[in-house]
N, C-alpha and C. Protein backbone atom coordinates (compact mmCIF):
# COMPACT_ATOMS: atom_id res chain seq x y z
N MET A 1 166.20 85.94 163.00
CA MET A 1 167.58 86.10 162.57
C MET A 1 168.48 85.28 163.48
N PRO A 2 169.39 84.49 162.96
CA PRO A 2 170.25 83.66 163.79
C PRO A 2 171.28 84.50 164.52
N GLY A 3 171.79 83.96 165.60
CA GLY A 3 172.87 84.62 166.33
C GLY A 3 172.39 85.17 167.63
N GLN A 4 172.94 84.68 168.73
CA GLN A 4 172.53 85.17 170.04
C GLN A 4 172.90 86.63 170.20
N GLY A 5 171.94 87.41 170.66
CA GLY A 5 172.18 88.83 170.88
C GLY A 5 172.05 89.67 169.64
N SER A 6 171.76 89.06 168.50
CA SER A 6 171.60 89.83 167.26
C SER A 6 170.23 90.47 167.23
N PRO A 7 170.10 91.73 166.72
CA PRO A 7 168.81 92.37 166.65
C PRO A 7 167.96 91.71 165.58
N SER A 8 166.73 91.37 165.90
CA SER A 8 165.84 90.72 164.94
C SER A 8 164.93 91.76 164.32
N GLU A 9 164.83 91.76 162.99
CA GLU A 9 163.93 92.71 162.33
C GLU A 9 162.49 92.46 162.74
N ASP A 10 162.15 91.22 163.13
CA ASP A 10 160.79 90.92 163.52
C ASP A 10 160.41 91.60 164.82
N THR A 11 161.39 92.14 165.58
CA THR A 11 161.09 92.85 166.81
C THR A 11 161.60 94.28 166.75
N SER A 12 161.87 94.80 165.56
CA SER A 12 162.37 96.16 165.40
C SER A 12 161.22 97.09 165.05
N THR A 13 161.15 98.21 165.73
CA THR A 13 160.04 99.13 165.52
C THR A 13 160.53 100.54 165.28
N VAL A 14 159.61 101.38 164.81
CA VAL A 14 159.89 102.79 164.64
C VAL A 14 159.78 103.46 166.00
N ARG A 15 160.85 104.14 166.43
CA ARG A 15 160.87 104.69 167.77
C ARG A 15 161.46 106.08 167.79
N ASP A 16 161.23 106.78 168.92
CA ASP A 16 161.91 108.03 169.15
C ASP A 16 163.34 107.75 169.59
N ALA A 17 164.16 108.80 169.65
CA ALA A 17 165.55 108.63 170.04
C ALA A 17 165.68 108.10 171.46
N ASP A 18 164.65 108.29 172.29
CA ASP A 18 164.71 107.79 173.66
C ASP A 18 164.28 106.35 173.78
N GLY A 19 163.97 105.69 172.64
CA GLY A 19 163.64 104.27 172.65
C GLY A 19 162.17 103.96 172.83
N GLN A 20 161.32 104.98 172.93
CA GLN A 20 159.91 104.75 173.10
C GLN A 20 159.19 104.80 171.76
N SER A 21 158.05 104.10 171.67
CA SER A 21 157.25 104.12 170.44
C SER A 21 156.16 105.17 170.58
N PRO A 22 156.33 106.36 170.02
CA PRO A 22 155.40 107.46 170.26
C PRO A 22 154.08 107.26 169.53
N THR A 23 153.00 107.65 170.22
CA THR A 23 151.67 107.52 169.64
C THR A 23 151.53 108.36 168.39
N ASP A 24 152.15 109.57 168.36
CA ASP A 24 151.98 110.43 167.19
C ASP A 24 152.59 109.81 165.95
N LEU A 25 153.73 109.12 166.10
CA LEU A 25 154.35 108.49 164.94
C LEU A 25 153.53 107.30 164.46
N LEU A 26 152.95 106.55 165.38
CA LEU A 26 152.07 105.46 164.99
C LEU A 26 150.88 106.00 164.21
N GLY A 27 150.39 107.16 164.63
CA GLY A 27 149.27 107.78 163.92
C GLY A 27 149.64 108.19 162.51
N ILE A 28 150.87 108.70 162.34
CA ILE A 28 151.34 109.10 161.01
C ILE A 28 151.42 107.88 160.10
N VAL A 29 151.98 106.78 160.61
CA VAL A 29 152.10 105.57 159.82
C VAL A 29 150.72 105.05 159.43
N SER A 30 149.81 105.01 160.39
CA SER A 30 148.47 104.48 160.11
C SER A 30 147.73 105.34 159.08
N GLU A 31 147.83 106.65 159.22
CA GLU A 31 147.16 107.56 158.28
C GLU A 31 147.74 107.44 156.88
N ASN A 32 149.07 107.39 156.79
CA ASN A 32 149.71 107.28 155.48
C ASN A 32 149.39 105.96 154.81
N LEU A 33 149.40 104.88 155.57
CA LEU A 33 149.09 103.58 154.99
C LEU A 33 147.67 103.55 154.43
N ARG A 34 146.74 104.05 155.19
CA ARG A 34 145.35 104.07 154.74
C ARG A 34 145.19 104.93 153.49
N ARG A 35 145.84 106.12 153.49
CA ARG A 35 145.74 107.03 152.35
C ARG A 35 146.38 106.44 151.10
N LEU A 36 147.59 105.88 151.23
CA LEU A 36 148.30 105.35 150.08
C LEU A 36 147.63 104.10 149.52
N ARG A 37 147.10 103.28 150.42
CA ARG A 37 146.41 102.06 149.97
C ARG A 37 145.14 102.41 149.19
N THR A 38 144.35 103.32 149.74
CA THR A 38 143.09 103.67 149.07
C THR A 38 143.35 104.44 147.77
N ARG A 39 144.42 105.24 147.74
CA ARG A 39 144.76 105.97 146.51
C ARG A 39 145.02 105.02 145.36
N ARG A 40 145.55 103.86 145.67
CA ARG A 40 145.84 102.86 144.65
C ARG A 40 144.68 101.89 144.44
N GLY A 41 143.57 102.12 145.14
CA GLY A 41 142.40 101.29 144.96
C GLY A 41 142.59 99.87 145.46
N LEU A 42 143.43 99.70 146.48
CA LEU A 42 143.73 98.38 147.01
C LEU A 42 142.91 98.09 148.26
N SER A 43 142.31 96.93 148.31
CA SER A 43 141.67 96.48 149.55
C SER A 43 142.76 95.94 150.47
N LEU A 44 142.41 95.75 151.73
CA LEU A 44 143.36 95.15 152.65
C LEU A 44 143.78 93.76 152.19
N GLU A 45 142.82 93.03 151.61
CA GLU A 45 143.12 91.69 151.13
C GLU A 45 144.16 91.71 150.00
N ARG A 46 143.98 92.64 149.05
CA ARG A 46 144.90 92.71 147.91
C ARG A 46 146.28 93.16 148.36
N LEU A 47 146.35 94.13 149.28
CA LEU A 47 147.65 94.57 149.76
C LEU A 47 148.33 93.47 150.56
N ALA A 48 147.54 92.72 151.31
CA ALA A 48 148.10 91.60 152.08
C ALA A 48 148.73 90.58 151.14
N LYS A 49 148.05 90.27 150.05
CA LYS A 49 148.56 89.30 149.09
C LYS A 49 149.82 89.82 148.41
N ALA A 50 149.84 91.11 148.08
CA ALA A 50 150.99 91.69 147.37
C ALA A 50 152.20 91.84 148.27
N SER A 51 151.98 92.11 149.55
CA SER A 51 153.09 92.40 150.46
C SER A 51 153.55 91.22 151.29
N GLY A 52 152.67 90.24 151.47
CA GLY A 52 153.00 89.14 152.36
C GLY A 52 152.76 89.45 153.82
N VAL A 53 152.15 90.61 154.09
CA VAL A 53 151.76 91.00 155.45
C VAL A 53 150.29 90.66 155.62
N SER A 54 149.93 90.04 156.71
CA SER A 54 148.55 89.57 156.89
C SER A 54 147.55 90.72 156.91
N ARG A 55 146.32 90.42 156.48
CA ARG A 55 145.27 91.42 156.50
C ARG A 55 145.04 91.93 157.91
N ALA A 56 145.10 91.04 158.88
CA ALA A 56 144.88 91.44 160.28
C ALA A 56 145.93 92.44 160.73
N MET A 57 147.20 92.18 160.38
CA MET A 57 148.27 93.09 160.76
C MET A 57 148.11 94.44 160.09
N LEU A 58 147.78 94.44 158.78
CA LEU A 58 147.56 95.71 158.07
C LEU A 58 146.44 96.50 158.72
N GLY A 59 145.38 95.81 159.09
CA GLY A 59 144.25 96.48 159.73
C GLY A 59 144.65 97.09 161.06
N GLN A 60 145.45 96.38 161.85
CA GLN A 60 145.90 96.90 163.14
C GLN A 60 146.79 98.12 162.97
N ILE A 61 147.64 98.09 161.93
CA ILE A 61 148.51 99.24 161.66
C ILE A 61 147.68 100.45 161.26
N GLU A 62 146.68 100.25 160.38
CA GLU A 62 145.85 101.37 159.93
C GLU A 62 145.03 101.96 161.08
N LEU A 63 144.71 101.15 162.06
CA LEU A 63 143.96 101.64 163.23
C LEU A 63 144.88 102.23 164.29
N GLY A 64 146.19 102.17 164.06
CA GLY A 64 147.14 102.70 165.03
C GLY A 64 147.26 101.86 166.28
N ARG A 65 146.92 100.59 166.17
CA ARG A 65 146.94 99.70 167.34
C ARG A 65 148.16 98.80 167.39
N SER A 66 148.97 98.81 166.34
CA SER A 66 150.14 97.94 166.30
C SER A 66 151.33 98.69 165.72
N ALA A 67 152.48 98.62 166.40
CA ALA A 67 153.71 99.24 165.90
C ALA A 67 154.35 98.31 164.89
N PRO A 68 154.42 98.69 163.62
CA PRO A 68 154.99 97.80 162.61
C PRO A 68 156.48 97.63 162.78
N THR A 69 156.98 96.45 162.44
CA THR A 69 158.42 96.21 162.49
C THR A 69 159.06 96.80 161.24
N ILE A 70 160.38 96.91 161.26
CA ILE A 70 161.12 97.39 160.09
C ILE A 70 160.84 96.49 158.89
N ASN A 71 160.85 95.20 159.13
CA ASN A 71 160.62 94.25 158.04
C ASN A 71 159.24 94.42 157.43
N VAL A 72 158.23 94.62 158.27
CA VAL A 72 156.87 94.81 157.79
C VAL A 72 156.75 96.09 156.97
N LEU A 73 157.38 97.18 157.44
CA LEU A 73 157.33 98.44 156.69
C LEU A 73 157.98 98.29 155.32
N TRP A 74 159.11 97.58 155.26
CA TRP A 74 159.76 97.37 153.97
C TRP A 74 158.85 96.59 153.02
N LYS A 75 158.19 95.56 153.53
CA LYS A 75 157.31 94.76 152.69
C LYS A 75 156.16 95.59 152.14
N ILE A 76 155.59 96.44 152.99
CA ILE A 76 154.45 97.26 152.56
C ILE A 76 154.89 98.28 151.50
N THR A 77 155.99 98.99 151.76
CA THR A 77 156.43 100.02 150.81
C THR A 77 156.87 99.39 149.49
N ARG A 78 157.44 98.20 149.56
CA ARG A 78 157.82 97.53 148.32
C ARG A 78 156.58 97.17 147.51
N ALA A 79 155.55 96.67 148.18
CA ALA A 79 154.31 96.30 147.49
C ALA A 79 153.63 97.53 146.89
N LEU A 80 153.76 98.69 147.55
CA LEU A 80 153.16 99.93 147.05
C LEU A 80 154.08 100.66 146.08
N ASP A 81 155.30 100.14 145.86
CA ASP A 81 156.29 100.76 144.98
C ASP A 81 156.61 102.18 145.45
N LEU A 82 156.91 102.29 146.76
CA LEU A 82 157.22 103.57 147.38
C LEU A 82 158.52 103.46 148.17
N PRO A 83 159.19 104.60 148.41
CA PRO A 83 160.36 104.57 149.28
C PRO A 83 159.94 104.32 150.72
N PHE A 84 160.87 103.87 151.52
CA PHE A 84 160.58 103.54 152.91
C PHE A 84 159.98 104.72 153.67
N SER A 85 160.48 105.93 153.38
CA SER A 85 160.06 107.12 154.13
C SER A 85 158.60 107.50 153.88
N ALA A 86 157.98 106.95 152.84
CA ALA A 86 156.61 107.35 152.51
C ALA A 86 155.62 107.07 153.63
N LEU A 87 155.87 106.03 154.42
CA LEU A 87 154.93 105.68 155.49
C LEU A 87 155.15 106.47 156.76
N ILE A 88 156.29 107.12 156.90
CA ILE A 88 156.54 107.91 158.10
C ILE A 88 156.76 109.37 157.73
N ASN A 89 156.01 109.82 156.73
CA ASN A 89 156.16 111.14 156.14
C ASN A 89 155.59 112.25 157.01
N GLU A 90 156.43 113.27 157.26
CA GLU A 90 155.99 114.54 157.81
C GLU A 90 156.64 115.61 156.95
N SER A 91 155.95 116.00 155.88
CA SER A 91 156.57 116.88 154.88
C SER A 91 156.71 118.30 155.38
N PRO A 92 157.90 118.91 155.20
CA PRO A 92 158.07 120.32 155.52
C PRO A 92 157.45 121.20 154.45
N ALA A 93 157.29 122.46 154.75
CA ALA A 93 156.75 123.38 153.75
C ALA A 93 157.71 123.48 152.58
N ALA A 94 157.15 123.64 151.38
CA ALA A 94 157.97 123.69 150.18
C ALA A 94 158.96 124.85 150.27
N GLY A 95 160.22 124.58 149.91
CA GLY A 95 161.24 125.61 149.89
C GLY A 95 161.80 125.97 151.24
N SER A 96 161.38 125.28 152.31
CA SER A 96 161.84 125.64 153.65
C SER A 96 163.21 125.03 153.94
N THR A 97 163.88 125.63 154.90
CA THR A 97 165.13 125.07 155.42
C THR A 97 164.80 124.28 156.67
N VAL A 98 165.30 123.05 156.73
CA VAL A 98 164.95 122.17 157.84
C VAL A 98 166.20 121.81 158.63
N VAL A 99 166.18 122.05 159.93
CA VAL A 99 167.24 121.62 160.82
C VAL A 99 166.74 120.38 161.56
N MET A 100 167.51 119.30 161.49
CA MET A 100 167.10 118.04 162.12
C MET A 100 167.95 117.81 163.35
N ARG A 101 167.43 118.18 164.51
CA ARG A 101 168.16 118.05 165.75
C ARG A 101 168.32 116.58 166.14
N ARG A 102 169.48 116.24 166.64
CA ARG A 102 169.75 114.87 167.07
C ARG A 102 168.75 114.44 168.14
N THR A 103 168.42 115.36 169.04
CA THR A 103 167.51 115.02 170.14
C THR A 103 166.08 114.78 169.67
N ASP A 104 165.73 115.24 168.48
CA ASP A 104 164.38 115.06 167.95
C ASP A 104 164.30 113.93 166.93
N ALA A 105 165.38 113.19 166.79
CA ALA A 105 165.45 112.18 165.74
C ALA A 105 164.43 111.06 165.96
N LYS A 106 163.86 110.59 164.86
CA LYS A 106 163.07 109.37 164.86
C LYS A 106 163.98 108.23 164.40
N LEU A 107 164.06 107.20 165.21
CA LEU A 107 164.95 106.08 164.92
C LEU A 107 164.17 104.84 164.53
N LEU A 108 164.80 104.04 163.68
CA LEU A 108 164.39 102.65 163.50
C LEU A 108 165.33 101.86 164.39
N LEU A 109 164.80 101.35 165.50
CA LEU A 109 165.63 100.79 166.55
C LEU A 109 165.22 99.37 166.85
N SER A 110 166.20 98.45 166.91
CA SER A 110 165.89 97.07 167.25
C SER A 110 165.44 96.98 168.70
N GLN A 111 164.71 95.92 169.02
CA GLN A 111 164.13 95.77 170.34
C GLN A 111 165.20 95.81 171.43
N ASP A 112 166.37 95.22 171.16
CA ASP A 112 167.43 95.21 172.17
C ASP A 112 168.37 96.40 172.06
N GLY A 113 168.09 97.30 171.11
CA GLY A 113 168.87 98.52 170.99
C GLY A 113 170.23 98.38 170.35
N ARG A 114 170.53 97.21 169.77
CA ARG A 114 171.86 96.97 169.21
C ARG A 114 172.01 97.50 167.77
N PHE A 115 170.90 97.75 167.11
CA PHE A 115 170.94 98.29 165.75
C PHE A 115 170.00 99.48 165.66
N SER A 116 170.48 100.58 165.09
CA SER A 116 169.61 101.74 164.91
C SER A 116 169.85 102.37 163.55
N SER A 117 168.81 102.97 163.01
CA SER A 117 168.88 103.68 161.74
C SER A 117 168.18 105.02 161.92
N ARG A 118 168.90 106.11 161.62
CA ARG A 118 168.33 107.45 161.77
C ARG A 118 168.29 108.13 160.41
N ALA A 119 167.12 108.61 160.04
CA ALA A 119 166.96 109.31 158.76
C ALA A 119 167.63 110.68 158.86
N LEU A 120 168.47 110.99 157.88
CA LEU A 120 169.15 112.28 157.81
C LEU A 120 168.54 113.13 156.70
N PHE A 121 167.24 113.10 156.60
CA PHE A 121 166.51 113.89 155.62
C PHE A 121 165.10 114.10 156.15
N PRO A 122 164.44 115.19 155.74
CA PRO A 122 163.04 115.38 156.12
C PRO A 122 162.18 114.40 155.34
N PHE A 123 161.25 113.75 156.02
CA PHE A 123 160.42 112.76 155.37
C PHE A 123 159.50 113.42 154.33
N GLU A 124 159.58 112.94 153.11
CA GLU A 124 158.73 113.41 152.03
C GLU A 124 158.28 112.21 151.22
N THR A 125 157.07 112.27 150.68
CA THR A 125 156.58 111.17 149.85
C THR A 125 157.36 111.09 148.54
N GLN A 126 157.63 112.25 147.92
CA GLN A 126 158.35 112.27 146.65
C GLN A 126 159.84 112.33 146.91
N ARG A 127 160.53 111.20 146.82
CA ARG A 127 161.96 111.18 147.09
C ARG A 127 162.60 109.98 146.41
N LYS A 128 163.67 110.23 145.66
CA LYS A 128 164.40 109.15 145.00
C LYS A 128 165.61 108.69 145.80
N VAL A 129 166.10 109.54 146.69
CA VAL A 129 167.30 109.24 147.45
C VAL A 129 167.03 109.45 148.93
N GLU A 130 167.47 108.50 149.76
CA GLU A 130 167.32 108.61 151.21
C GLU A 130 168.69 108.41 151.86
N PHE A 131 168.94 109.15 152.94
CA PHE A 131 170.24 109.16 153.60
C PHE A 131 170.06 108.79 155.07
N TYR A 132 170.79 107.77 155.53
CA TYR A 132 170.61 107.28 156.89
C TYR A 132 171.95 107.17 157.62
N GLU A 133 171.89 107.37 158.93
CA GLU A 133 172.99 107.02 159.82
C GLU A 133 172.67 105.69 160.48
N LEU A 134 173.58 104.73 160.39
CA LEU A 134 173.38 103.41 160.98
C LEU A 134 174.39 103.18 162.09
N ARG A 135 173.93 102.54 163.16
CA ARG A 135 174.81 102.13 164.24
C ARG A 135 174.54 100.66 164.54
N LEU A 136 175.61 99.89 164.68
CA LEU A 136 175.47 98.46 164.94
C LEU A 136 176.46 98.06 166.03
N ALA A 137 175.93 97.44 167.09
CA ALA A 137 176.76 97.06 168.22
C ALA A 137 177.76 95.99 167.83
N ALA A 138 178.84 95.89 168.60
CA ALA A 138 179.85 94.86 168.36
C ALA A 138 179.21 93.48 168.36
N GLY A 139 179.49 92.70 167.32
CA GLY A 139 178.92 91.37 167.20
C GLY A 139 177.48 91.34 166.71
N GLY A 140 176.90 92.51 166.43
CA GLY A 140 175.51 92.58 166.02
C GLY A 140 175.29 92.24 164.56
N THR A 141 174.06 91.89 164.23
CA THR A 141 173.67 91.54 162.87
C THR A 141 172.36 92.22 162.53
N ALA A 142 172.24 92.74 161.33
CA ALA A 142 171.00 93.33 160.84
C ALA A 142 170.71 92.75 159.46
N LYS A 143 169.54 92.17 159.30
CA LYS A 143 169.17 91.50 158.07
C LYS A 143 168.10 92.29 157.35
N SER A 144 168.21 92.39 156.03
CA SER A 144 167.26 93.17 155.25
C SER A 144 166.62 92.32 154.17
N GLU A 145 165.33 92.53 153.98
CA GLU A 145 164.61 91.91 152.87
C GLU A 145 165.02 92.59 151.56
N PRO A 146 164.83 91.94 150.41
CA PRO A 146 165.11 92.59 149.13
C PRO A 146 164.24 93.83 148.95
N HIS A 147 164.84 94.87 148.42
CA HIS A 147 164.09 96.09 148.12
C HIS A 147 163.57 96.03 146.68
N ALA A 148 162.88 97.08 146.27
CA ALA A 148 162.30 97.11 144.93
C ALA A 148 163.41 96.98 143.88
N SER A 149 163.06 96.38 142.76
CA SER A 149 164.03 96.16 141.68
C SER A 149 164.67 97.48 141.26
N GLY A 150 165.99 97.48 141.14
CA GLY A 150 166.71 98.68 140.74
C GLY A 150 167.22 99.52 141.89
N THR A 151 166.76 99.24 143.12
CA THR A 151 167.22 99.99 144.28
C THR A 151 168.69 99.68 144.57
N THR A 152 169.48 100.71 144.82
CA THR A 152 170.88 100.51 145.18
C THR A 152 171.15 101.08 146.57
N GLU A 153 172.16 100.52 147.22
CA GLU A 153 172.63 101.03 148.49
C GLU A 153 174.10 101.39 148.36
N THR A 154 174.45 102.57 148.83
CA THR A 154 175.84 102.98 148.96
C THR A 154 176.10 103.14 150.45
N LEU A 155 177.06 102.39 150.95
CA LEU A 155 177.29 102.31 152.39
C LEU A 155 178.75 102.63 152.68
N MET A 156 178.99 103.55 153.62
CA MET A 156 180.35 103.92 153.99
C MET A 156 180.56 103.65 155.47
N VAL A 157 181.72 103.08 155.80
CA VAL A 157 182.08 102.83 157.19
C VAL A 157 182.83 104.04 157.73
N THR A 158 182.25 104.67 158.73
CA THR A 158 182.90 105.84 159.34
C THR A 158 183.73 105.44 160.55
N ARG A 159 183.22 104.47 161.31
CA ARG A 159 183.94 104.00 162.50
C ARG A 159 183.72 102.50 162.67
N GLY A 160 184.80 101.78 162.96
CA GLY A 160 184.67 100.35 163.20
C GLY A 160 184.82 99.53 161.93
N GLN A 161 184.16 98.38 161.93
CA GLN A 161 184.23 97.45 160.81
C GLN A 161 182.83 97.01 160.42
N LEU A 162 182.74 96.40 159.24
CA LEU A 162 181.45 95.92 158.77
C LEU A 162 181.65 94.80 157.75
N GLU A 163 180.83 93.77 157.86
CA GLU A 163 180.71 92.75 156.83
C GLU A 163 179.35 92.89 156.18
N VAL A 164 179.34 92.94 154.86
CA VAL A 164 178.10 93.05 154.10
C VAL A 164 177.95 91.78 153.27
N GLU A 165 176.89 91.04 153.52
CA GLU A 165 176.60 89.84 152.75
C GLU A 165 175.53 90.15 151.72
N VAL A 166 175.87 90.02 150.45
CA VAL A 166 174.95 90.27 149.35
C VAL A 166 174.85 89.00 148.53
N GLY A 167 173.69 88.38 148.56
CA GLY A 167 173.56 87.09 147.89
C GLY A 167 174.45 86.08 148.57
N ASP A 168 175.37 85.48 147.81
CA ASP A 168 176.26 84.47 148.37
C ASP A 168 177.68 84.98 148.57
N ARG A 169 177.88 86.31 148.53
CA ARG A 169 179.20 86.88 148.71
C ARG A 169 179.25 87.77 149.96
N ILE A 170 180.38 87.78 150.62
CA ILE A 170 180.59 88.58 151.83
C ILE A 170 181.73 89.56 151.57
N TYR A 171 181.51 90.83 151.89
CA TYR A 171 182.51 91.88 151.69
C TYR A 171 182.89 92.45 153.06
N ARG A 172 184.17 92.53 153.33
CA ARG A 172 184.68 93.05 154.60
C ARG A 172 185.14 94.49 154.41
N LEU A 173 184.63 95.40 155.24
CA LEU A 173 184.94 96.81 155.13
C LEU A 173 185.53 97.33 156.43
N ASP A 174 186.50 98.24 156.31
CA ASP A 174 187.08 98.93 157.45
C ASP A 174 186.75 100.42 157.36
N ALA A 175 187.11 101.16 158.38
CA ALA A 175 186.82 102.60 158.41
C ALA A 175 187.37 103.28 157.16
N GLY A 176 186.53 104.06 156.50
CA GLY A 176 186.92 104.75 155.27
C GLY A 176 186.54 104.02 154.01
N ASP A 177 186.21 102.72 154.13
CA ASP A 177 185.78 101.94 152.97
C ASP A 177 184.31 102.18 152.67
N ALA A 178 183.93 101.96 151.41
CA ALA A 178 182.54 102.11 150.99
C ALA A 178 182.19 101.00 150.02
N ILE A 179 180.90 100.73 149.89
CA ILE A 179 180.42 99.69 148.98
C ILE A 179 179.14 100.16 148.33
N LEU A 180 178.98 99.83 147.06
CA LEU A 180 177.75 100.09 146.31
C LEU A 180 177.23 98.77 145.79
N PHE A 181 175.96 98.45 146.03
CA PHE A 181 175.43 97.18 145.55
C PHE A 181 173.95 97.29 145.24
N GLU A 182 173.49 96.40 144.37
CA GLU A 182 172.08 96.30 144.06
C GLU A 182 171.37 95.66 145.26
N ALA A 183 170.35 96.33 145.77
CA ALA A 183 169.73 95.92 147.02
C ALA A 183 168.42 95.16 146.82
N ASP A 184 168.20 94.64 145.59
CA ASP A 184 166.96 93.92 145.34
C ASP A 184 167.13 92.42 145.58
N THR A 185 168.07 92.09 146.48
CA THR A 185 168.25 90.72 146.94
C THR A 185 168.47 90.77 148.45
N HIS A 186 168.36 89.62 149.13
CA HIS A 186 168.60 89.60 150.56
C HIS A 186 170.02 90.08 150.86
N HIS A 187 170.17 90.92 151.89
CA HIS A 187 171.49 91.37 152.29
C HIS A 187 171.54 91.50 153.81
N ILE A 188 172.73 91.30 154.34
CA ILE A 188 172.92 91.25 155.78
C ILE A 188 174.12 92.11 156.16
N TYR A 189 173.97 92.86 157.25
CA TYR A 189 175.08 93.62 157.82
C TYR A 189 175.55 92.92 159.09
N ARG A 190 176.85 92.78 159.27
CA ARG A 190 177.40 92.22 160.51
C ARG A 190 178.56 93.09 160.98
N ASN A 191 178.64 93.28 162.26
CA ASN A 191 179.76 94.02 162.85
C ASN A 191 180.69 93.01 163.53
N PRO A 192 181.82 92.66 162.89
CA PRO A 192 182.72 91.68 163.46
C PRO A 192 183.70 92.26 164.48
N GLY A 193 183.63 93.58 164.68
CA GLY A 193 184.58 94.24 165.56
C GLY A 193 184.21 94.15 167.04
N HIS A 194 185.01 94.80 167.85
CA HIS A 194 184.80 94.81 169.30
C HIS A 194 184.14 96.09 169.79
N ASP A 195 183.87 97.02 168.89
CA ASP A 195 183.24 98.29 169.25
C ASP A 195 182.05 98.56 168.35
N GLU A 196 181.19 99.47 168.77
CA GLU A 196 180.04 99.85 167.94
C GLU A 196 180.52 100.42 166.61
N GLY A 197 179.86 100.03 165.53
CA GLY A 197 180.17 100.56 164.21
C GLY A 197 179.25 101.71 163.86
N LEU A 198 179.80 102.68 163.15
CA LEU A 198 179.03 103.83 162.68
C LEU A 198 179.14 103.88 161.16
N TYR A 199 177.99 103.91 160.48
CA TYR A 199 177.97 103.82 159.01
C TYR A 199 176.98 104.84 158.46
N TYR A 200 177.19 105.22 157.21
CA TYR A 200 176.25 106.10 156.51
C TYR A 200 175.77 105.40 155.25
N LEU A 201 174.46 105.42 155.07
CA LEU A 201 173.81 104.67 153.99
C LEU A 201 173.01 105.62 153.09
N VAL A 202 173.22 105.49 151.79
CA VAL A 202 172.40 106.21 150.81
C VAL A 202 171.58 105.18 150.03
N MET A 203 170.26 105.30 150.12
CA MET A 203 169.34 104.44 149.36
C MET A 203 168.91 105.21 148.12
N THR A 204 169.08 104.61 146.95
CA THR A 204 168.69 105.26 145.70
C THR A 204 167.66 104.40 144.97
N TYR A 205 166.52 105.01 144.67
CA TYR A 205 165.44 104.32 143.96
C TYR A 205 165.52 104.68 142.49
N VAL A 206 165.31 103.69 141.64
CA VAL A 206 165.57 103.87 140.22
C VAL A 206 164.53 104.74 139.53
N GLU A 207 163.28 104.71 139.99
CA GLU A 207 162.21 105.44 139.33
C GLU A 207 161.58 106.42 140.29
N SER A 208 160.91 107.44 139.71
CA SER A 208 160.18 108.39 140.55
C SER A 208 159.03 107.67 141.22
N VAL A 209 158.65 108.18 142.39
CA VAL A 209 157.61 107.53 143.17
C VAL A 209 156.58 108.58 143.58
N GLY A 210 155.47 108.10 144.13
CA GLY A 210 154.45 109.01 144.61
C GLY A 210 153.10 108.61 144.14
C-alpha cells in the first residue's frame, strides 16, 4: 500500500487487544480453514487457484504455523463464499446472551498499530450481517480487496474524518456522516485529519452462507 506510515494489509494480522498473535486464535483459524475446505471437497491446490493464495501459505495456515494477514483471510473467505468471521468462529451456545468485554476483544490490527478492526458480534458461521468498530490513525490508510458480489458496507464516522475511495470516486465524511456502498470493488479508507478516527462498519452479505 502506498504512503509512508500507512498500515499495509500484507502485514496485518489477527491479534488480541494487547497486540499479540495468540496461539489459540491461530488454532481456531487453522481448524476452521481445514474443516470448511474439506466440507466443500476442495484440495489445497483448488482453493489456492480459486483464492489466489499460494498452496504453501494455505498449508502453513492449516497447520497453525503462519498468522494470515487480513488480505489473505478476505481472499480465502471470498473463494469459499463465506463471511469474514467464518474463519475466526467461536460460536456461543444457541439462545445465550453474550457480553463482549473490551479487554477480551480480538482485533484485526495492522503491524504498526495504526489501523484496527474489532468485531462487535459473537463469531458465528451462519451470519449475514457483521458489525465492526474501526480505528484509523491520523494520516493512515487502509486498503480492502473486493468482497463477494452483492456485499455492501455501511460506514458511519463517530469521531474525526474519513475519505472513502470506491472505484474512481472519493467521498469525504465528517463526524456524524455515513455512507453505504457496494463493496465488491476495490475500496480504500483514508484519515485526512490530525486525530485518530473512530468509525462503525456494518458488512451485509446478500445471500445466506454456511
